[in-house]
């Protein structure tokens, strides 16, 4: 998973989708900053979070997340296009 901002909640490249709604409910509420960044994420769902903002603990043991099919990070998109052409 890519996290272009290094965990500072300044982009949406680490967008993940929590697979189990019950696990999502165990997490702390996203901050306003995280919600603002999630608004920029591709494929936003009701259980979307920024991976860099999820604080892991025993309550989240077994957490399963899915990566969205695309990202809005231009560098990642440019890389994928170069790979297709090669």
PDB file of N, CA and C in Angstrom:
ATOM      1  N   UNK A   1       0.841  -1.175   0.000  1.00  0.00           N
ATOM      2  CA  UNK A   1       0.000   0.000   0.000  1.00  0.00           C
ATOM      3  C   UNK A   1       0.880   1.229   0.000  1.00  0.00           C
ATOM      4  N   UNK A   2       0.478   2.204  -0.766  1.00  0.00           N
ATOM      5  CA  UNK A   2       1.211   3.456  -0.845  1.00  0.00           C
ATOM      6  C   UNK A   2       0.670   4.443   0.185  1.00  0.00           C
ATOM      7  N   UNK A   3       1.547   5.180   0.793  1.00  0.00           N
ATOM      8  CA  UNK A   3       1.172   6.254   1.703  1.00  0.00           C
ATOM      9  C   UNK A   3       2.064   7.442   1.415  1.00  0.00           C
ATOM     10  N   UNK A   4       1.712   8.226   0.418  1.00  0.00           N
ATOM     11  CA  UNK A   4       2.590   9.278  -0.090  1.00  0.00           C
ATOM     12  C   UNK A   4       2.916  10.353   0.939  1.00  0.00           C
ATOM     13  N   UNK A   5       2.047  10.599   1.906  1.00  0.00           N
ATOM     14  CA  UNK A   5       2.288  11.688   2.859  1.00  0.00           C
ATOM     15  C   UNK A   5       3.051  11.235   4.093  1.00  0.00           C
ATOM     16  N   UNK A   6       3.367   9.954   4.183  1.00  0.00           N
ATOM     17  CA  UNK A   6       4.119   9.464   5.329  1.00  0.00           C
ATOM     18  C   UNK A   6       3.331   9.419   6.625  1.00  0.00           C
ATOM     19  N   UNK A   7       2.023   9.317   6.538  1.00  0.00           N
ATOM     20  CA  UNK A   7       1.195   9.183   7.742  1.00  0.00           C
ATOM     21  C   UNK A   7       0.729  10.478   8.354  1.00  0.00           C
ATOM     22  N   UNK A   8       0.870  11.588   7.633  1.00  0.00           N
ATOM     23  CA  UNK A   8       0.500  12.887   8.213  1.00  0.00           C
ATOM     24  C   UNK A   8      -0.921  13.325   7.867  1.00  0.00           C
ATOM     25  N   UNK A   9      -1.710  12.446   7.276  1.00  0.00           N
ATOM     26  CA  UNK A   9      -3.108  12.745   6.929  1.00  0.00           C
ATOM     27  C   UNK A   9      -3.203  13.930   5.974  1.00  0.00           C
ATOM     28  N   UNK A  10      -2.333  13.923   4.965  1.00  0.00           N
ATOM     29  CA  UNK A  10      -2.300  15.029   4.012  1.00  0.00           C
ATOM     30  C   UNK A  10      -2.635  14.587   2.588  1.00  0.00           C
ATOM     31  N   UNK A  11      -3.064  13.340   2.427  1.00  0.00           N
ATOM     32  CA  UNK A  11      -3.462  12.851   1.103  1.00  0.00           C
ATOM     33  C   UNK A  11      -4.425  11.686   1.315  1.00  0.00           C
ATOM     34  N   UNK A  12      -4.824  11.026   0.259  1.00  0.00           N
ATOM     35  CA  UNK A  12      -5.731   9.882   0.410  1.00  0.00           C
ATOM     36  C   UNK A  12      -5.162   8.619  -0.237  1.00  0.00           C
ATOM     37  N   UNK A  13      -3.841   8.556  -0.381  1.00  0.00           N
ATOM     38  CA  UNK A  13      -3.231   7.422  -1.066  1.00  0.00           C
ATOM     39  C   UNK A  13      -3.267   6.132  -0.248  1.00  0.00           C
ATOM     40  N   UNK A  14      -3.499   6.210   1.049  1.00  0.00           N
ATOM     41  CA  UNK A  14      -3.562   4.999   1.881  1.00  0.00           C
ATOM     42  C   UNK A  14      -5.005   4.606   2.190  1.00  0.00           C
ATOM     43  N   UNK A  15      -5.929   5.055   1.349  1.00  0.00           N
ATOM     44  CA  UNK A  15      -7.348   4.738   1.516  1.00  0.00           C
ATOM     45  C   UNK A  15      -7.553   3.227   1.543  1.00  0.00           C
ATOM     46  N   UNK A  16      -8.220   2.755   2.581  1.00  0.00           N
ATOM     47  CA  UNK A  16      -8.577   1.339   2.690  1.00  0.00           C
ATOM     48  C   UNK A  16     -10.075   1.224   2.979  1.00  0.00           C
ATOM     49  N   UNK A  17     -10.621   0.071   2.655  1.00  0.00           N
ATOM     50  CA  UNK A  17     -12.030  -0.202   2.913  1.00  0.00           C
ATOM     51  C   UNK A  17     -12.098  -1.357   3.914  1.00  0.00           C
ATOM     52  N   UNK A  18     -12.647  -1.069   5.074  1.00  0.00           N
ATOM     53  CA  UNK A  18     -12.778  -2.088   6.118  1.00  0.00           C
ATOM     54  C   UNK A  18     -13.870  -3.058   5.682  1.00  0.00           C
ATOM     55  N   UNK A  19     -13.537  -4.343   5.646  1.00  0.00           N
ATOM     56  CA  UNK A  19     -14.450  -5.356   5.132  1.00  0.00           C
ATOM     57  C   UNK A  19     -15.610  -5.672   6.082  1.00  0.00           C
ATOM     58  N   UNK A  20     -15.372  -5.642   7.380  1.00  0.00           N
ATOM     59  CA  UNK A  20     -16.378  -6.019   8.367  1.00  0.00           C
ATOM     60  C   UNK A  20     -16.875  -4.768   9.087  1.00  0.00           C
ATOM     61  N   UNK A  21     -18.163  -4.483   8.931  1.00  0.00           N
ATOM     62  CA  UNK A  21     -18.721  -3.284   9.546  1.00  0.00           C
ATOM     63  C   UNK A  21     -18.592  -3.294  11.069  1.00  0.00           C
ATOM     64  N   UNK A  22     -18.660  -4.472  11.677  1.00  0.00           N
ATOM     65  CA  UNK A  22     -18.509  -4.577  13.134  1.00  0.00           C
ATOM     66  C   UNK A  22     -17.104  -4.139  13.559  1.00  0.00           C
ATOM     67  N   UNK A  23     -16.105  -4.481  12.766  1.00  0.00           N
ATOM     68  CA  UNK A  23     -14.733  -4.039  13.057  1.00  0.00           C
ATOM     69  C   UNK A  23     -14.614  -2.534  12.864  1.00  0.00           C
ATOM     70  N   UNK A  24     -15.257  -2.026  11.838  1.00  0.00           N
ATOM     71  CA  UNK A  24     -15.243  -0.583  11.589  1.00  0.00           C
ATOM     72  C   UNK A  24     -15.794   0.168  12.794  1.00  0.00           C
ATOM     73  N   UNK A  25     -16.857  -0.360  13.374  1.00  0.00           N
ATOM     74  CA  UNK A  25     -17.499   0.288  14.525  1.00  0.00           C
ATOM     75  C   UNK A  25     -16.593   0.310  15.753  1.00  0.00           C
ATOM     76  N   UNK A  26     -15.615  -0.588  15.829  1.00  0.00           N
ATOM     77  CA  UNK A  26     -14.689  -0.631  16.963  1.00  0.00           C
ATOM     78  C   UNK A  26     -13.617   0.454  16.878  1.00  0.00           C
ATOM     79  N   UNK A  27     -13.452   1.039  15.709  1.00  0.00           N
ATOM     80  CA  UNK A  27     -12.412   2.053  15.511  1.00  0.00           C
ATOM     81  C   UNK A  27     -12.843   3.393  16.081  1.00  0.00           C
ATOM     82  N   UNK A  28     -11.851   4.216  16.413  1.00  0.00           N
ATOM     83  CA  UNK A  28     -12.155   5.579  16.802  1.00  0.00           C
ATOM     84  C   UNK A  28     -12.746   6.304  15.604  1.00  0.00           C
ATOM     85  N   UNK A  29     -13.586   7.280  15.860  1.00  0.00           N
ATOM     86  CA  UNK A  29     -14.182   8.066  14.779  1.00  0.00           C
ATOM     87  C   UNK A  29     -13.089   8.783  13.986  1.00  0.00           C
ATOM     88  N   UNK A  30     -13.243   8.887  12.669  1.00  0.00           N
ATOM     89  CA  UNK A  30     -12.263   9.647  11.888  1.00  0.00           C
ATOM     90  C   UNK A  30     -12.317  11.129  12.279  1.00  0.00           C
ATOM     91  N   UNK A  31     -11.158  11.759  12.269  1.00  0.00           N
ATOM     92  CA  UNK A  31     -11.090  13.195  12.570  1.00  0.00           C
ATOM     93  C   UNK A  31     -11.656  13.987  11.391  1.00  0.00           C
ATOM     94  N   UNK A  32     -11.881  15.262  11.599  1.00  0.00           N
ATOM     95  CA  UNK A  32     -12.338  16.128  10.508  1.00  0.00           C
ATOM     96  C   UNK A  32     -11.316  16.151   9.372  1.00  0.00           C
ATOM     97  N   UNK A  33     -10.021  16.179   9.724  1.00  0.00           N
ATOM     98  CA  UNK A  33      -8.972  16.170   8.701  1.00  0.00           C
ATOM     99  C   UNK A  33      -9.030  14.890   7.873  1.00  0.00           C
ATOM    100  N   UNK A  34      -9.231  13.751   8.557  1.00  0.00           N
ATOM    101  CA  UNK A  34      -9.314  12.492   7.828  1.00  0.00           C
ATOM    102  C   UNK A  34     -10.540  12.476   6.912  1.00  0.00           C
ATOM    103  N   UNK A  35     -11.670  12.940   7.413  1.00  0.00           N
ATOM    104  CA  UNK A  35     -12.872  12.988   6.575  1.00  0.00           C
ATOM    105  C   UNK A  35     -12.672  13.882   5.358  1.00  0.00           C
ATOM    106  N   UNK A  36     -11.964  14.998   5.536  1.00  0.00           N
ATOM    107  CA  UNK A  36     -11.677  15.883   4.404  1.00  0.00           C
ATOM    108  C   UNK A  36     -10.833  15.168   3.353  1.00  0.00           C
ATOM    109  N   UNK A  37      -9.829  14.402   3.789  1.00  0.00           N
ATOM    110  CA  UNK A  37      -8.984  13.664   2.855  1.00  0.00           C
ATOM    111  C   UNK A  37      -9.754  12.512   2.204  1.00  0.00           C
ATOM    112  N   UNK A  38     -10.613  11.855   2.966  1.00  0.00           N
ATOM    113  CA  UNK A  38     -11.413  10.773   2.398  1.00  0.00           C
ATOM    114  C   UNK A  38     -12.338  11.273   1.298  1.00  0.00           C
ATOM    115  N   UNK A  39     -12.784  12.516   1.407  1.00  0.00           N
ATOM    116  CA  UNK A  39     -13.626  13.088   0.358  1.00  0.00           C
ATOM    117  C   UNK A  39     -12.913  13.108  -0.992  1.00  0.00           C
ATOM    118  N   UNK A  40     -11.583  13.063  -0.984  1.00  0.00           N
ATOM    119  CA  UNK A  40     -10.795  13.077  -2.214  1.00  0.00           C
ATOM    120  C   UNK A  40     -10.484  11.675  -2.725  1.00  0.00           C
ATOM    121  N   UNK A  41     -10.833  10.664  -1.963  1.00  0.00           N
ATOM    122  CA  UNK A  41     -10.464   9.286  -2.299  1.00  0.00           C
ATOM    123  C   UNK A  41     -11.378   8.710  -3.376  1.00  0.00           C
ATOM    124  N   UNK A  42     -10.798   7.882  -4.238  1.00  0.00           N
ATOM    125  CA  UNK A  42     -11.565   7.169  -5.255  1.00  0.00           C
ATOM    126  C   UNK A  42     -12.272   5.980  -4.609  1.00  0.00           C
ATOM    127  N   UNK A  43     -13.520   5.736  -4.961  1.00  0.00           N
ATOM    128  CA  UNK A  43     -14.231   4.563  -4.487  1.00  0.00           C
ATOM    129  C   UNK A  43     -14.617   4.613  -3.026  1.00  0.00           C
ATOM    130  N   UNK A  44     -14.923   5.776  -2.514  1.00  0.00           N
ATOM    131  CA  UNK A  44     -15.271   5.952  -1.107  1.00  0.00           C
ATOM    132  C   UNK A  44     -16.491   5.105  -0.732  1.00  0.00           C
ATOM    133  N   UNK A  45     -16.428   4.460   0.435  1.00  0.00           N
ATOM    134  CA  UNK A  45     -17.540   3.650   0.944  1.00  0.00           C
ATOM    135  C   UNK A  45     -17.867   4.094   2.367  1.00  0.00           C
ATOM    136  N   UNK A  46     -18.910   3.498   2.924  1.00  0.00           N
ATOM    137  CA  UNK A  46     -19.300   3.805   4.307  1.00  0.00           C
ATOM    138  C   UNK A  46     -18.251   3.338   5.318  1.00  0.00           C
ATOM    139  N   UNK A  47     -17.411   2.388   4.929  1.00  0.00           N
ATOM    140  CA  UNK A  47     -16.392   1.871   5.850  1.00  0.00           C
ATOM    141  C   UNK A  47     -14.977   2.217   5.381  1.00  0.00           C
ATOM    142  N   UNK A  48     -14.846   3.313   4.642  1.00  0.00           N
ATOM    143  CA  UNK A  48     -13.532   3.772   4.193  1.00  0.00           C
ATOM    144  C   UNK A  48     -12.798   4.465   5.326  1.00  0.00           C
ATOM    145  N   UNK A  49     -11.495   4.243   5.369  1.00  0.00           N
ATOM    146  CA  UNK A  49     -10.616   4.928   6.314  1.00  0.00           C
ATOM    147  C   UNK A  49      -9.286   5.184   5.629  1.00  0.00           C
ATOM    148  N   UNK A  50      -8.509   6.085   6.204  1.00  0.00           N
ATOM    149  CA  UNK A  50      -7.129   6.254   5.776  1.00  0.00           C
ATOM    150  C   UNK A  50      -6.296   5.324   6.643  1.00  0.00           C
ATOM    151  N   UNK A  51      -5.573   4.431   6.000  1.00  0.00           N
ATOM    152  CA  UNK A  51      -4.789   3.448   6.731  1.00  0.00           C
ATOM    153  C   UNK A  51      -3.833   4.080   7.724  1.00  0.00           C
ATOM    154  N   UNK A  52      -3.292   5.247   7.376  1.00  0.00           N
ATOM    155  CA  UNK A  52      -2.320   5.892   8.263  1.00  0.00           C
ATOM    156  C   UNK A  52      -2.952   6.431   9.543  1.00  0.00           C
ATOM    157  N   UNK A  53      -4.269   6.488   9.590  1.00  0.00           N
ATOM    158  CA  UNK A  53      -4.948   7.036  10.766  1.00  0.00           C
ATOM    159  C   UNK A  53      -5.591   5.959  11.645  1.00  0.00           C
ATOM    160  N   UNK A  54      -5.524   4.706  11.220  1.00  0.00           N
ATOM    161  CA  UNK A  54      -6.092   3.608  12.006  1.00  0.00           C
ATOM    162  C   UNK A  54      -5.090   3.215  13.087  1.00  0.00           C
ATOM    163  N   UNK A  55      -5.497   3.335  14.328  1.00  0.00           N
ATOM    164  CA  UNK A  55      -4.649   2.969  15.455  1.00  0.00           C
ATOM    165  C   UNK A  55      -4.974   1.526  15.820  1.00  0.00           C
ATOM    166  N   UNK A  56      -4.007   0.652  15.595  1.00  0.00           N
ATOM    167  CA  UNK A  56      -4.210  -0.767  15.851  1.00  0.00           C
ATOM    168  C   UNK A  56      -4.093  -1.070  17.344  1.00  0.00           C
ATOM    169  N   UNK A  57      -4.891  -2.012  17.770  1.00  0.00           N
ATOM    170  CA  UNK A  57      -4.874  -2.487  19.147  1.00  0.00           C
ATOM    171  C   UNK A  57      -5.530  -3.853  19.192  1.00  0.00           C
ATOM    172  N   UNK A  58      -5.618  -4.424  20.376  1.00  0.00           N
ATOM    173  CA  UNK A  58      -6.196  -5.773  20.511  1.00  0.00           C
ATOM    174  C   UNK A  58      -7.623  -5.839  19.983  1.00  0.00           C
ATOM    175  N   UNK A  59      -8.386  -4.783  20.154  1.00  0.00           N
ATOM    176  CA  UNK A  59      -9.776  -4.775  19.692  1.00  0.00           C
ATOM    177  C   UNK A  59      -9.878  -4.937  18.177  1.00  0.00           C
ATOM    178  N   UNK A  60      -8.823  -4.561  17.461  1.00  0.00           N
ATOM    179  CA  UNK A  60      -8.845  -4.656  16.002  1.00  0.00           C
ATOM    180  C   UNK A  60      -8.066  -5.860  15.478  1.00  0.00           C
ATOM    181  N   UNK A  61      -7.718  -6.778  16.362  1.00  0.00           N
ATOM    182  CA  UNK A  61      -7.026  -7.988  15.940  1.00  0.00           C
ATOM    183  C   UNK A  61      -7.903  -8.737  14.939  1.00  0.00           C
ATOM    184  N   UNK A  62      -7.354  -9.070  13.788  1.00  0.00           N
ATOM    185  CA  UNK A  62      -8.106  -9.748  12.737  1.00  0.00           C
ATOM    186  C   UNK A  62      -8.729  -8.805  11.727  1.00  0.00           C
ATOM    187  N   UNK A  63      -8.446  -7.523  11.843  1.00  0.00           N
ATOM    188  CA  UNK A  63      -8.987  -6.539  10.901  1.00  0.00           C
ATOM    189  C   UNK A  63      -8.587  -6.895   9.469  1.00  0.00           C
ATOM    190  N   UNK A  64      -9.565  -6.882   8.577  1.00  0.00           N
ATOM    191  CA  UNK A  64      -9.318  -7.142   7.160  1.00  0.00           C
ATOM    192  C   UNK A  64      -9.771  -5.915   6.377  1.00  0.00           C
ATOM    193  N   UNK A  65      -8.877  -5.414   5.543  1.00  0.00           N
ATOM    194  CA  UNK A  65      -9.210  -4.270   4.697  1.00  0.00           C
ATOM    195  C   UNK A  65      -8.981  -4.638   3.240  1.00  0.00           C
ATOM    196  N   UNK A  66      -9.636  -3.913   2.371  1.00  0.00           N
ATOM    197  CA  UNK A  66      -9.499  -4.078   0.934  1.00  0.00           C
ATOM    198  C   UNK A  66      -8.951  -2.770   0.374  1.00  0.00           C
ATOM    199  N   UNK A  67      -8.071  -2.872  -0.600  1.00  0.00           N
ATOM    200  CA  UNK A  67      -7.571  -1.674  -1.269  1.00  0.00           C
ATOM    201  C   UNK A  67      -8.501  -1.320  -2.412  1.00  0.00           C
ATOM    202  N   UNK A  68      -8.770  -0.029  -2.610  1.00  0.00           N
ATOM    203  CA  UNK A  68      -9.627   0.345  -3.737  1.00  0.00           C
ATOM    204  C   UNK A  68      -8.946  -0.002  -5.062  1.00  0.00           C
ATOM    205  N   UNK A  69      -9.732  -0.117  -6.105  1.00  0.00           N
ATOM    206  CA  UNK A  69      -9.195  -0.529  -7.403  1.00  0.00           C
ATOM    207  C   UNK A  69      -8.328   0.544  -8.054  1.00  0.00           C
ATOM    208  N   UNK A  70      -8.478   1.792  -7.629  1.00  0.00           N
ATOM    209  CA  UNK A  70      -7.698   2.893  -8.202  1.00  0.00           C
ATOM    210  C   UNK A  70      -7.278   3.849  -7.099  1.00  0.00           C
ATOM    211  N   UNK A  71      -6.340   4.727  -7.449  1.00  0.00           N
ATOM    212  CA  UNK A  71      -5.900   5.782  -6.540  1.00  0.00           C
ATOM    213  C   UNK A  71      -5.884   7.099  -7.296  1.00  0.00           C
ATOM    214  N   UNK A  72      -5.960   8.173  -6.562  1.00  0.00           N
ATOM    215  CA  UNK A  72      -5.901   9.495  -7.192  1.00  0.00           C
ATOM    216  C   UNK A  72      -4.474  10.051  -7.203  1.00  0.00           C
ATOM    217  N   UNK A  73      -3.521   9.287  -6.749  1.00  0.00           N
ATOM    218  CA  UNK A  73      -2.126   9.737  -6.741  1.00  0.00           C
ATOM    219  C   UNK A  73      -1.588   9.697  -8.165  1.00  0.00           C
ATOM    220  N   UNK A  74      -1.204  10.831  -8.685  1.00  0.00           N
ATOM    221  CA  UNK A  74      -0.758  10.910 -10.075  1.00  0.00           C
ATOM    222  C   UNK A  74       0.475  10.057 -10.319  1.00  0.00           C
ATOM    223  N   UNK A  75       1.395   9.985  -9.379  1.00  0.00           N
ATOM    224  CA  UNK A  75       2.598   9.185  -9.580  1.00  0.00           C
ATOM    225  C   UNK A  75       2.237   7.711  -9.732  1.00  0.00           C
ATOM    226  N   UNK A  76       1.327   7.225  -8.927  1.00  0.00           N
ATOM    227  CA  UNK A  76       0.925   5.823  -9.038  1.00  0.00           C
ATOM    228  C   UNK A  76       0.227   5.580 -10.370  1.00  0.00           C
ATOM    229  N   UNK A  77      -0.618   6.506 -10.800  1.00  0.00           N
ATOM    230  CA  UNK A  77      -1.314   6.366 -12.066  1.00  0.00           C
ATOM    231  C   UNK A  77      -0.330   6.410 -13.225  1.00  0.00           C
ATOM    232  N   UNK A  78       0.648   7.296 -13.164  1.00  0.00           N
ATOM    233  CA  UNK A  78       1.658   7.389 -14.211  1.00  0.00           C
ATOM    234  C   UNK A  78       2.455   6.101 -14.295  1.00  0.00           C
ATOM    235  N   UNK A  79       2.787   5.522 -13.153  1.00  0.00           N
ATOM    236  CA  UNK A  79       3.549   4.278 -13.117  1.00  0.00           C
ATOM    237  C   UNK A  79       2.760   3.148 -13.778  1.00  0.00           C
ATOM    238  N   UNK A  80       1.466   3.075 -13.466  1.00  0.00           N
ATOM    239  CA  UNK A  80       0.636   2.020 -14.028  1.00  0.00           C
ATOM    240  C   UNK A  80       0.562   2.147 -15.549  1.00  0.00           C
ATOM    241  N   UNK A  81       0.469   3.368 -16.045  1.00  0.00           N
ATOM    242  CA  UNK A  81       0.422   3.583 -17.492  1.00  0.00           C
ATOM    243  C   UNK A  81       1.722   3.155 -18.140  1.00  0.00           C
ATOM    244  N   UNK A  82       2.855   3.440 -17.517  1.00  0.00           N
ATOM    245  CA  UNK A  82       4.151   3.040 -18.066  1.00  0.00           C
ATOM    246  C   UNK A  82       4.277   1.522 -18.095  1.00  0.00           C
ATOM    247  N   UNK A  83       3.753   0.854 -17.061  1.00  0.00           N
ATOM    248  CA  UNK A  83       3.811  -0.604 -16.993  1.00  0.00           C
ATOM    249  C   UNK A  83       2.982  -1.232 -18.123  1.00  0.00           C
ATOM    250  N   UNK A  84       1.825  -0.618 -18.427  1.00  0.00           N
ATOM    251  CA  UNK A  84       0.968  -1.149 -19.486  1.00  0.00           C
ATOM    252  C   UNK A  84       1.652  -1.068 -20.849  1.00  0.00           C
ATOM    253  N   UNK A  85       2.394   0.011 -21.061  1.00  0.00           N
ATOM    254  CA  UNK A  85       3.059   0.233 -22.352  1.00  0.00           C
ATOM    255  C   UNK A  85       4.279  -0.649 -22.535  1.00  0.00           C
ATOM    256  N   UNK A  86       4.892  -1.091 -21.449  1.00  0.00           N
ATOM    257  CA  UNK A  86       6.138  -1.876 -21.520  1.00  0.00           C
ATOM    258  C   UNK A  86       5.940  -3.277 -22.029  1.00  0.00           C
TER     259      UNK A  86
END
